[in-house]
Amino acid sequence: MSQNKIATLLGVTQPAIKQYLDENEEEHYKKLIKLGLEREEINNLVSDLVGLLSKNDVKNAMYYITDATLRYLSELKFCKFHKEIDKHVPQDCDICKYIYRQSEEERMEIALSMLQNELVTPLIPEVLSNLAFAKKNPKSIRDVIAVEGRITKIKGLPTPASKPAWGASKHLATILLKMSEKAPSIRSVINIKYDNNVDKAVRSLGMKIAYVGPSDENDDESIANLIYSVFSEDIDCVAHLGGKGIEPILYVFGKDPVEVVKKVIEIGRKYREITKS
């Protein structure tokens, strides 16, 4: 990304960007680590923001950084630093843990923006993809938000057919409702295509994968029960090997849709390397 483009996105001058880039990157790491963040968290934050801003999606980039900051506050990550610089803060203060309330709709919008990546395009199956995110302790399909009309390919990019809506995917909602019985922290899933090269990509990334099928049962309950039979909280993906009239599918799971989409982008990147070699 050019300095001029960065300047436009950030609303500053190009010379200011040059000055930022000339600064010692490690010094900024040290400041953020002292604040309470870990290096991996910093790298993930920067990577996600660059992905959004490179597509000129300033609105979702703003949502993302606001969401992340409020989440870090609620996790009390900055407490030690705050108490060091302000001796008037009570040692048992934990008021910030009440400051954050996750918006599933905003989180989905951010994830869907990140998903519009050419690395993901080859992973869209014939039946199309969808991305779903459940509320905590979901009770019904209406507690799961997904893309109405699914995710298709338009001009070479994965594109949602419409805005996310509650109860929009009976298939993925049924799967998440079932998984919540065994792993309540796993609240999001996407379906992408599955073949030998996708399998190689997943394994080479060190992701944990389980397999179900082949099976000719294609109703939502049967598929959810199959996945449930092999599922655990540390599983990244479950491959359904297909069946009569059933396309093989890889279900990618995570705690929220941003985490899921980041896994899919990594699979897409590795898939490209494998298919081009």
C-alpha atoms as a PDB file:
ATOM      1  CA  MET A   1       0.000   0.000   0.000  1.00  0.00           C
ATOM      2  CA  SER A   2       1.451   3.391  -0.967  1.00  0.00           C
ATOM      3  CA  GLN A   3       2.169   6.153   1.529  1.00  0.00           C
ATOM      4  CA  ASN A   4      -0.321   8.412  -0.267  1.00  0.00           C
ATOM      5  CA  LYS A   5      -3.097   5.845   0.094  1.00  0.00           C
ATOM      6  CA  ILE A   6      -2.288   5.300   3.782  1.00  0.00           C
ATOM      7  CA  ALA A   7      -2.373   9.070   4.292  1.00  0.00           C
ATOM      8  CA  THR A   8      -5.780   9.332   2.621  1.00  0.00           C
ATOM      9  CA  LEU A   9      -7.210   6.492   4.707  1.00  0.00           C
ATOM     10  CA  LEU A  10      -5.878   7.932   7.975  1.00  0.00           C
ATOM     11  CA  GLY A  11      -6.692  11.551   7.132  1.00  0.00           C
ATOM     12  CA  VAL A  12      -3.115  12.803   7.545  1.00  0.00           C
ATOM     13  CA  THR A  13      -0.403  14.028   5.161  1.00  0.00           C
ATOM     14  CA  GLN A  14       2.037  11.837   3.249  1.00  0.00           C
ATOM     15  CA  PRO A  15       5.057  13.365   5.069  1.00  0.00           C
ATOM     16  CA  ALA A  16       3.403  12.387   8.375  1.00  0.00           C
ATOM     17  CA  ILE A  17       3.131   8.786   7.148  1.00  0.00           C
ATOM     18  CA  LYS A  18       6.814   8.829   6.145  1.00  0.00           C
ATOM     19  CA  GLN A  19       7.685  10.037   9.631  1.00  0.00           C
ATOM     20  CA  TYR A  20       5.618   7.207  11.198  1.00  0.00           C
ATOM     21  CA  LEU A  21       7.343   4.624   9.007  1.00  0.00           C
ATOM     22  CA  ASP A  22      10.792   5.970   9.892  1.00  0.00           C
ATOM     23  CA  GLU A  23      10.153   5.424  13.596  1.00  0.00           C
ATOM     24  CA  ASN A  24      11.471   2.358  15.420  1.00  0.00           C
ATOM     25  CA  GLU A  25       8.729  -0.277  15.184  1.00  0.00           C
ATOM     26  CA  GLU A  26      10.084  -2.189  18.167  1.00  0.00           C
ATOM     27  CA  GLU A  27       9.630   0.863  20.407  1.00  0.00           C
ATOM     28  CA  HIS A  28       5.914   0.869  19.603  1.00  0.00           C
ATOM     29  CA  TYR A  29       5.710  -2.846  20.388  1.00  0.00           C
ATOM     30  CA  LYS A  30       7.321  -2.165  23.775  1.00  0.00           C
ATOM     31  CA  LYS A  31       4.793   0.573  24.581  1.00  0.00           C
ATOM     32  CA  LEU A  32       1.813  -1.619  23.692  1.00  0.00           C
ATOM     33  CA  ILE A  33       3.214  -4.615  25.566  1.00  0.00           C
ATOM     34  CA  LYS A  34       3.753  -2.383  28.620  1.00  0.00           C
ATOM     35  CA  LEU A  35       0.130  -1.293  28.275  1.00  0.00           C
ATOM     36  CA  GLY A  36      -0.945  -4.929  28.629  1.00  0.00           C
ATOM     37  CA  LEU A  37      -1.159  -6.427  25.140  1.00  0.00           C
ATOM     38  CA  GLU A  38       0.747  -9.449  23.876  1.00  0.00           C
ATOM     39  CA  ARG A  39       2.820  -9.324  20.687  1.00  0.00           C
ATOM     40  CA  GLU A  40       0.533 -11.822  18.932  1.00  0.00           C
ATOM     41  CA  GLU A  41      -2.517  -9.679  19.780  1.00  0.00           C
ATOM     42  CA  ILE A  42      -0.782  -6.611  18.340  1.00  0.00           C
ATOM     43  CA  ASN A  43       0.140  -8.446  15.131  1.00  0.00           C
ATOM     44  CA  ASN A  44      -3.395  -9.784  14.714  1.00  0.00           C
ATOM     45  CA  LEU A  45      -4.879  -6.341  15.306  1.00  0.00           C
ATOM     46  CA  VAL A  46      -2.617  -4.704  12.734  1.00  0.00           C
ATOM     47  CA  SER A  47      -3.154  -7.497  10.183  1.00  0.00           C
ATOM     48  CA  ASP A  48      -6.944  -7.295  10.461  1.00  0.00           C
ATOM     49  CA  LEU A  49      -6.975  -3.505  10.202  1.00  0.00           C
ATOM     50  CA  VAL A  50      -4.706  -3.544   7.149  1.00  0.00           C
ATOM     51  CA  GLY A  51      -7.020  -6.099   5.523  1.00  0.00           C
ATOM     52  CA  LEU A  52     -10.043  -3.845   6.050  1.00  0.00           C
ATOM     53  CA  LEU A  53      -8.334  -0.583   5.113  1.00  0.00           C
ATOM     54  CA  SER A  54      -6.765  -2.044   1.965  1.00  0.00           C
ATOM     55  CA  LYS A  55     -10.346  -2.423   0.686  1.00  0.00           C
ATOM     56  CA  ASN A  56     -11.197   1.164   1.708  1.00  0.00           C
ATOM     57  CA  ASP A  57     -13.579  -0.191   4.335  1.00  0.00           C
ATOM     58  CA  VAL A  58     -12.979   2.629   6.798  1.00  0.00           C
ATOM     59  CA  LYS A  59     -16.328   2.157   8.556  1.00  0.00           C
ATOM     60  CA  ASN A  60     -15.688  -1.459   9.524  1.00  0.00           C
ATOM     61  CA  ALA A  61     -12.072  -0.670  10.392  1.00  0.00           C
ATOM     62  CA  MET A  62     -13.425   1.892  12.879  1.00  0.00           C
ATOM     63  CA  TYR A  63     -15.905  -0.663  14.223  1.00  0.00           C
ATOM     64  CA  TYR A  64     -13.094  -3.184  14.550  1.00  0.00           C
ATOM     65  CA  ILE A  65     -10.656  -0.990  16.497  1.00  0.00           C
ATOM     66  CA  THR A  66     -13.451   0.307  18.743  1.00  0.00           C
ATOM     67  CA  ASP A  67     -14.682  -3.224  19.409  1.00  0.00           C
ATOM     68  CA  ALA A  68     -11.146  -4.469  20.139  1.00  0.00           C
ATOM     69  CA  THR A  69     -10.352  -1.588  22.496  1.00  0.00           C
ATOM     70  CA  LEU A  70     -13.553  -2.000  24.480  1.00  0.00           C
ATOM     71  CA  ARG A  71     -12.990  -5.764  24.637  1.00  0.00           C
ATOM     72  CA  TYR A  72      -9.446  -5.304  25.971  1.00  0.00           C
ATOM     73  CA  LEU A  73     -10.769  -2.877  28.591  1.00  0.00           C
ATOM     74  CA  SER A  74     -13.430  -5.372  29.692  1.00  0.00           C
ATOM     75  CA  GLU A  75     -10.769  -8.090  29.944  1.00  0.00           C
ATOM     76  CA  LEU A  76      -8.916  -5.766  32.370  1.00  0.00           C
ATOM     77  CA  LYS A  77      -5.764  -5.884  30.220  1.00  0.00           C
ATOM     78  CA  PHE A  78      -4.844  -2.272  30.957  1.00  0.00           C
ATOM     79  CA  CYS A  79      -5.435  -2.337  34.731  1.00  0.00           C
ATOM     80  CA  LYS A  80      -1.846  -2.922  35.830  1.00  0.00           C
ATOM     81  CA  PHE A  81      -0.561  -0.050  33.683  1.00  0.00           C
ATOM     82  CA  HIS A  82      -3.373   2.250  34.828  1.00  0.00           C
ATOM     83  CA  LYS A  83      -2.647   1.572  38.484  1.00  0.00           C
ATOM     84  CA  GLU A  84       1.054   2.219  37.933  1.00  0.00           C
ATOM     85  CA  ILE A  85       0.469   5.696  36.503  1.00  0.00           C
ATOM     86  CA  ASP A  86      -2.426   6.662  38.801  1.00  0.00           C
ATOM     87  CA  LYS A  87      -1.970   5.736  42.451  1.00  0.00           C
ATOM     88  CA  HIS A  88      -5.521   6.867  43.234  1.00  0.00           C
ATOM     89  CA  VAL A  89      -7.010   3.862  41.381  1.00  0.00           C
ATOM     90  CA  PRO A  90      -8.119   1.254  43.975  1.00  0.00           C
ATOM     91  CA  GLN A  91      -6.124  -1.988  43.752  1.00  0.00           C
ATOM     92  CA  ASP A  92      -9.328  -4.037  43.557  1.00  0.00           C
ATOM     93  CA  CYS A  93     -10.896  -1.860  40.814  1.00  0.00           C
ATOM     94  CA  ASP A  94     -12.566  -3.916  38.060  1.00  0.00           C
ATOM     95  CA  ILE A  95     -15.182  -1.457  36.804  1.00  0.00           C
ATOM     96  CA  CYS A  96     -14.060  -1.761  33.182  1.00  0.00           C
ATOM     97  CA  LYS A  97     -15.225  -5.373  32.958  1.00  0.00           C
ATOM     98  CA  TYR A  98     -18.755  -4.017  32.556  1.00  0.00           C
ATOM     99  CA  ILE A  99     -17.871  -1.642  29.717  1.00  0.00           C
ATOM    100  CA  TYR A 100     -18.087  -4.048  26.780  1.00  0.00           C
ATOM    101  CA  ARG A 101     -21.126  -5.580  25.189  1.00  0.00           C
ATOM    102  CA  GLN A 102     -20.527  -7.419  21.965  1.00  0.00           C
ATOM    103  CA  SER A 103     -22.732  -6.611  18.979  1.00  0.00           C
ATOM    104  CA  GLU A 104     -23.172  -9.747  16.889  1.00  0.00           C
ATOM    105  CA  GLU A 105     -24.380  -7.668  13.931  1.00  0.00           C
ATOM    106  CA  GLU A 106     -21.281  -5.450  13.899  1.00  0.00           C
ATOM    107  CA  ARG A 107     -18.962  -8.429  14.341  1.00  0.00           C
ATOM    108  CA  MET A 108     -20.624 -10.129  11.351  1.00  0.00           C
ATOM    109  CA  GLU A 109     -20.270  -7.003   9.204  1.00  0.00           C
ATOM    110  CA  ILE A 110     -16.539  -6.837   9.976  1.00  0.00           C
ATOM    111  CA  ALA A 111     -16.057 -10.552   9.231  1.00  0.00           C
ATOM    112  CA  LEU A 112     -17.987 -10.369   5.956  1.00  0.00           C
ATOM    113  CA  SER A 113     -15.876  -7.425   4.829  1.00  0.00           C
ATOM    114  CA  MET A 114     -12.707  -9.406   5.601  1.00  0.00           C
ATOM    115  CA  LEU A 115     -14.133 -12.413   3.726  1.00  0.00           C
ATOM    116  CA  GLN A 116     -14.271 -10.487   0.439  1.00  0.00           C
ATOM    117  CA  ASN A 117     -10.777 -11.633  -0.390  1.00  0.00           C
ATOM    118  CA  GLU A 118      -9.610 -13.275  -3.629  1.00  0.00           C
ATOM    119  CA  LEU A 119      -7.866 -15.982  -1.598  1.00  0.00           C
ATOM    120  CA  VAL A 120     -11.295 -17.188  -0.466  1.00  0.00           C
ATOM    121  CA  THR A 121     -12.927 -17.218  -3.919  1.00  0.00           C
ATOM    122  CA  PRO A 122     -11.716 -20.738  -4.930  1.00  0.00           C
ATOM    123  CA  LEU A 123     -13.133 -22.097  -1.655  1.00  0.00           C
ATOM    124  CA  ILE A 124     -16.767 -21.192  -2.382  1.00  0.00           C
ATOM    125  CA  PRO A 125     -18.605 -24.515  -2.999  1.00  0.00           C
ATOM    126  CA  GLU A 126     -21.243 -25.239  -5.627  1.00  0.00           C
ATOM    127  CA  VAL A 127     -23.948 -24.932  -2.952  1.00  0.00           C
ATOM    128  CA  LEU A 128     -22.436 -21.524  -2.000  1.00  0.00           C
ATOM    129  CA  SER A 129     -21.148 -20.566   1.433  1.00  0.00           C
ATOM    130  CA  ASN A 130     -22.672 -18.979   4.487  1.00  0.00           C
ATOM    131  CA  LEU A 131     -21.288 -17.563   7.709  1.00  0.00           C
ATOM    132  CA  ALA A 132     -23.207 -17.854  10.971  1.00  0.00           C
ATOM    133  CA  PHE A 133     -22.782 -16.476  14.493  1.00  0.00           C
ATOM    134  CA  ALA A 134     -24.848 -17.553  17.497  1.00  0.00           C
ATOM    135  CA  LYS A 135     -25.776 -15.568  20.568  1.00  0.00           C
ATOM    136  CA  LYS A 136     -24.438 -16.855  23.877  1.00  0.00           C
ATOM    137  CA  ASN A 137     -26.551 -19.797  25.056  1.00  0.00           C
ATOM    138  CA  PRO A 138     -28.671 -19.969  21.870  1.00  0.00           C
ATOM    139  CA  LYS A 139     -32.087 -21.596  22.171  1.00  0.00           C
ATOM    140  CA  SER A 140     -33.452 -21.510  18.619  1.00  0.00           C
ATOM    141  CA  ILE A 141     -32.585 -20.781  14.999  1.00  0.00           C
ATOM    142  CA  ARG A 142     -33.686 -17.172  15.627  1.00  0.00           C
ATOM    143  CA  ASP A 143     -30.660 -16.834  17.942  1.00  0.00           C
ATOM    144  CA  VAL A 144     -28.228 -17.356  15.049  1.00  0.00           C
ATOM    145  CA  ILE A 145     -27.376 -14.591  12.579  1.00  0.00           C
ATOM    146  CA  ALA A 146     -26.276 -15.482   9.028  1.00  0.00           C
ATOM    147  CA  VAL A 147     -26.389 -14.158   5.459  1.00  0.00           C
ATOM    148  CA  GLU A 148     -29.811 -14.373   3.876  1.00  0.00           C
ATOM    149  CA  GLY A 149     -29.289 -15.801   0.391  1.00  0.00           C
ATOM    150  CA  ARG A 150     -25.791 -17.061   1.271  1.00  0.00           C
ATOM    151  CA  ILE A 151     -22.364 -15.939  -0.019  1.00  0.00           C
ATOM    152  CA  THR A 152     -21.718 -16.157  -3.750  1.00  0.00           C
ATOM    153  CA  LYS A 153     -18.995 -14.982  -6.143  1.00  0.00           C
ATOM    154  CA  ILE A 154     -19.368 -11.608  -7.863  1.00  0.00           C
ATOM    155  CA  LYS A 155     -16.554 -10.159  -9.993  1.00  0.00           C
ATOM    156  CA  GLY A 156     -14.177 -12.757  -8.602  1.00  0.00           C
ATOM    157  CA  LEU A 157     -14.813 -12.021  -4.924  1.00  0.00           C
ATOM    158  CA  PRO A 158     -16.933 -13.743  -2.261  1.00  0.00           C
ATOM    159  CA  THR A 159     -19.945 -11.470  -1.840  1.00  0.00           C
ATOM    160  CA  PRO A 160     -22.897 -11.691   0.577  1.00  0.00           C
ATOM    161  CA  ALA A 161     -26.254 -11.772  -1.210  1.00  0.00           C
ATOM    162  CA  SER A 162     -27.705  -9.488   1.468  1.00  0.00           C
ATOM    163  CA  LYS A 163     -27.104  -8.155   4.960  1.00  0.00           C
ATOM    164  CA  PRO A 164     -26.930 -10.625   7.858  1.00  0.00           C
ATOM    165  CA  ALA A 165     -30.255 -11.501   9.468  1.00  0.00           C
ATOM    166  CA  TRP A 166     -31.337 -13.537  12.467  1.00  0.00           C
ATOM    167  CA  GLY A 167     -32.604 -16.984  11.511  1.00  0.00           C
ATOM    168  CA  ALA A 168     -31.310 -16.682   7.936  1.00  0.00           C
ATOM    169  CA  SER A 169     -29.581 -20.103   7.783  1.00  0.00           C
ATOM    170  CA  LYS A 170     -31.430 -23.096   9.181  1.00  0.00           C
ATOM    171  CA  HIS A 171     -28.564 -25.382   8.140  1.00  0.00           C
ATOM    172  CA  LEU A 172     -25.707 -23.618   9.950  1.00  0.00           C
ATOM    173  CA  ALA A 173     -27.942 -22.615  12.853  1.00  0.00           C
ATOM    174  CA  THR A 174     -28.855 -26.251  13.457  1.00  0.00           C
ATOM    175  CA  ILE A 175     -25.157 -27.142  13.532  1.00  0.00           C
ATOM    176  CA  LEU A 176     -24.254 -24.341  15.963  1.00  0.00           C
ATOM    177  CA  LEU A 177     -27.189 -25.123  18.251  1.00  0.00           C
ATOM    178  CA  LYS A 178     -26.041 -28.734  18.441  1.00  0.00           C
ATOM    179  CA  MET A 179     -22.357 -27.820  18.967  1.00  0.00           C
ATOM    180  CA  SER A 180     -23.303 -25.437  21.795  1.00  0.00           C
ATOM    181  CA  GLU A 181     -24.315 -28.483  23.857  1.00  0.00           C
ATOM    182  CA  LYS A 182     -20.716 -29.728  23.788  1.00  0.00           C
ATOM    183  CA  ALA A 183     -18.648 -26.557  23.236  1.00  0.00           C
ATOM    184  CA  PRO A 184     -20.542 -23.372  24.223  1.00  0.00           C
ATOM    185  CA  SER A 185     -17.555 -21.134  23.420  1.00  0.00           C
ATOM    186  CA  ILE A 186     -17.737 -22.149  19.732  1.00  0.00           C
ATOM    187  CA  ARG A 187     -20.327 -19.758  18.346  1.00  0.00           C
ATOM    188  CA  SER A 188     -19.460 -19.328  14.664  1.00  0.00           C
ATOM    189  CA  VAL A 189     -19.115 -21.508  11.563  1.00  0.00           C
ATOM    190  CA  ILE A 190     -18.702 -21.191   7.799  1.00  0.00           C
ATOM    191  CA  ASN A 191     -19.063 -23.839   5.094  1.00  0.00           C
ATOM    192  CA  ILE A 192     -16.507 -23.972   2.278  1.00  0.00           C
ATOM    193  CA  LYS A 193     -15.635 -26.568  -0.344  1.00  0.00           C
ATOM    194  CA  TYR A 194     -13.673 -29.666   0.554  1.00  0.00           C
ATOM    195  CA  ASP A 195     -11.243 -31.618  -1.630  1.00  0.00           C
ATOM    196  CA  ASN A 196      -7.788 -33.179  -1.313  1.00  0.00           C
ATOM    197  CA  ASN A 197      -6.003 -29.854  -1.745  1.00  0.00           C
ATOM    198  CA  VAL A 198      -8.155 -28.170   0.896  1.00  0.00           C
ATOM    199  CA  ASP A 199      -7.333 -31.076   3.216  1.00  0.00           C
ATOM    200  CA  LYS A 200      -3.612 -30.617   2.528  1.00  0.00           C
ATOM    201  CA  ALA A 201      -3.916 -26.891   3.216  1.00  0.00           C
ATOM    202  CA  VAL A 202      -5.676 -27.433   6.542  1.00  0.00           C
ATOM    203  CA  ARG A 203      -3.186 -30.045   7.691  1.00  0.00           C
ATOM    204  CA  SER A 204      -0.126 -28.039   6.632  1.00  0.00           C
ATOM    205  CA  LEU A 205      -1.398 -25.119   8.730  1.00  0.00           C
ATOM    206  CA  GLY A 206      -1.551 -27.369  11.782  1.00  0.00           C
ATOM    207  CA  MET A 207      -5.304 -26.997  12.151  1.00  0.00           C
ATOM    208  CA  LYS A 208      -7.158 -29.816  13.852  1.00  0.00           C
ATOM    209  CA  ILE A 209      -9.591 -31.519  11.492  1.00  0.00           C
ATOM    210  CA  ALA A 210     -12.137 -34.326  11.936  1.00  0.00           C
ATOM    211  CA  TYR A 211     -14.086 -36.267   9.297  1.00  0.00           C
ATOM    212  CA  VAL A 212     -17.655 -37.507   8.916  1.00  0.00           C
ATOM    213  CA  GLY A 213     -19.328 -39.489   6.146  1.00  0.00           C
ATOM    214  CA  PRO A 214     -19.699 -40.353   3.405  1.00  0.00           C
ATOM    215  CA  SER A 215     -23.412 -40.265   4.177  1.00  0.00           C
ATOM    216  CA  ASP A 216     -26.513 -39.941   2.021  1.00  0.00           C
ATOM    217  CA  GLU A 217     -28.500 -38.254   4.810  1.00  0.00           C
ATOM    218  CA  ASN A 218     -28.805 -34.621   3.814  1.00  0.00           C
ATOM    219  CA  ASP A 219     -31.243 -33.148   6.336  1.00  0.00           C
ATOM    220  CA  ASP A 220     -29.893 -30.526   8.737  1.00  0.00           C
ATOM    221  CA  GLU A 221     -30.422 -32.587  11.897  1.00  0.00           C
ATOM    222  CA  SER A 222     -28.580 -35.622  10.530  1.00  0.00           C
ATOM    223  CA  ILE A 223     -25.601 -33.533   9.383  1.00  0.00           C
ATOM    224  CA  ALA A 224     -25.486 -31.699  12.742  1.00  0.00           C
ATOM    225  CA  ASN A 225     -25.551 -35.025  14.599  1.00  0.00           C
ATOM    226  CA  LEU A 226     -22.722 -36.402  12.455  1.00  0.00           C
ATOM    227  CA  ILE A 227     -20.555 -33.363  13.176  1.00  0.00           C
ATOM    228  CA  TYR A 228     -21.460 -33.489  16.867  1.00  0.00           C
ATOM    229  CA  SER A 229     -20.249 -37.091  17.059  1.00  0.00           C
ATOM    230  CA  VAL A 230     -16.644 -36.046  16.263  1.00  0.00           C
ATOM    231  CA  PHE A 231     -16.629 -32.509  17.623  1.00  0.00           C
ATOM    232  CA  SER A 232     -14.635 -31.070  20.508  1.00  0.00           C
ATOM    233  CA  GLU A 233     -13.772 -27.544  21.614  1.00  0.00           C
ATOM    234  CA  ASP A 234     -10.279 -27.700  20.088  1.00  0.00           C
ATOM    235  CA  ILE A 235     -11.492 -28.746  16.629  1.00  0.00           C
ATOM    236  CA  ASP A 236     -10.911 -26.148  13.875  1.00  0.00           C
ATOM    237  CA  CYS A 237     -12.672 -27.931  11.018  1.00  0.00           C
ATOM    238  CA  VAL A 238     -14.959 -30.849  10.269  1.00  0.00           C
ATOM    239  CA  ALA A 239     -14.966 -32.304   6.763  1.00  0.00           C
ATOM    240  CA  HIS A 240     -18.190 -33.878   5.518  1.00  0.00           C
ATOM    241  CA  LEU A 241     -17.089 -36.276   2.801  1.00  0.00           C
ATOM    242  CA  GLY A 242     -20.365 -35.984   0.922  1.00  0.00           C
ATOM    243  CA  GLY A 243     -22.712 -38.644  -0.315  1.00  0.00           C
ATOM    244  CA  LYS A 244     -25.236 -39.321  -3.045  1.00  0.00           C
ATOM    245  CA  GLY A 245     -26.118 -35.873  -4.384  1.00  0.00           C
ATOM    246  CA  ILE A 246     -24.248 -34.242  -1.480  1.00  0.00           C
ATOM    247  CA  GLU A 247     -21.207 -32.055  -2.157  1.00  0.00           C
ATOM    248  CA  PRO A 248     -18.200 -32.565   0.156  1.00  0.00           C
ATOM    249  CA  ILE A 249     -18.009 -29.596   2.526  1.00  0.00           C
ATOM    250  CA  LEU A 250     -15.554 -28.295   5.100  1.00  0.00           C
ATOM    251  CA  TYR A 251     -17.104 -26.626   8.147  1.00  0.00           C
ATOM    252  CA  VAL A 252     -14.704 -24.167   9.793  1.00  0.00           C
ATOM    253  CA  PHE A 253     -15.478 -23.286  13.417  1.00  0.00           C
ATOM    254  CA  GLY A 254     -14.407 -20.550  15.818  1.00  0.00           C
ATOM    255  CA  LYS A 255     -15.417 -18.400  18.760  1.00  0.00           C
ATOM    256  CA  ASP A 256     -16.647 -15.589  16.529  1.00  0.00           C
ATOM    257  CA  PRO A 257     -16.930 -14.867  12.782  1.00  0.00           C
ATOM    258  CA  VAL A 258     -13.741 -12.796  12.623  1.00  0.00           C
ATOM    259  CA  GLU A 259     -11.747 -15.744  13.965  1.00  0.00           C
ATOM    260  CA  VAL A 260     -13.475 -18.067  11.492  1.00  0.00           C
ATOM    261  CA  VAL A 261     -12.806 -15.811   8.500  1.00  0.00           C
ATOM    262  CA  LYS A 262      -9.136 -15.454   9.453  1.00  0.00           C
ATOM    263  CA  LYS A 263      -8.846 -19.261   9.424  1.00  0.00           C
ATOM    264  CA  VAL A 264     -10.510 -19.408   5.998  1.00  0.00           C
ATOM    265  CA  ILE A 265      -8.156 -16.760   4.576  1.00  0.00           C
ATOM    266  CA  GLU A 266      -5.160 -18.768   5.820  1.00  0.00           C
ATOM    267  CA  ILE A 267      -6.620 -21.927   4.259  1.00  0.00           C
ATOM    268  CA  GLY A 268      -7.138 -19.987   1.014  1.00  0.00           C
ATOM    269  CA  ARG A 269      -3.559 -18.719   1.036  1.00  0.00           C
ATOM    270  CA  LYS A 270      -2.153 -22.209   1.579  1.00  0.00           C
ATOM    271  CA  TYR A 271      -4.587 -23.688  -0.972  1.00  0.00           C
ATOM    272  CA  ARG A 272      -3.258 -21.258  -3.598  1.00  0.00           C
ATOM    273  CA  GLU A 273       0.333 -22.312  -2.843  1.00  0.00           C
ATOM    274  CA  ILE A 274      -0.568 -25.998  -3.149  1.00  0.00           C
ATOM    275  CA  THR A 275      -2.573 -25.692  -6.370  1.00  0.00           C
ATOM    276  CA  LYS A 276       0.122 -23.563  -8.059  1.00  0.00           C
ATOM    277  CA  SER A 277       3.016 -25.859  -7.125  1.00  0.00           C
END
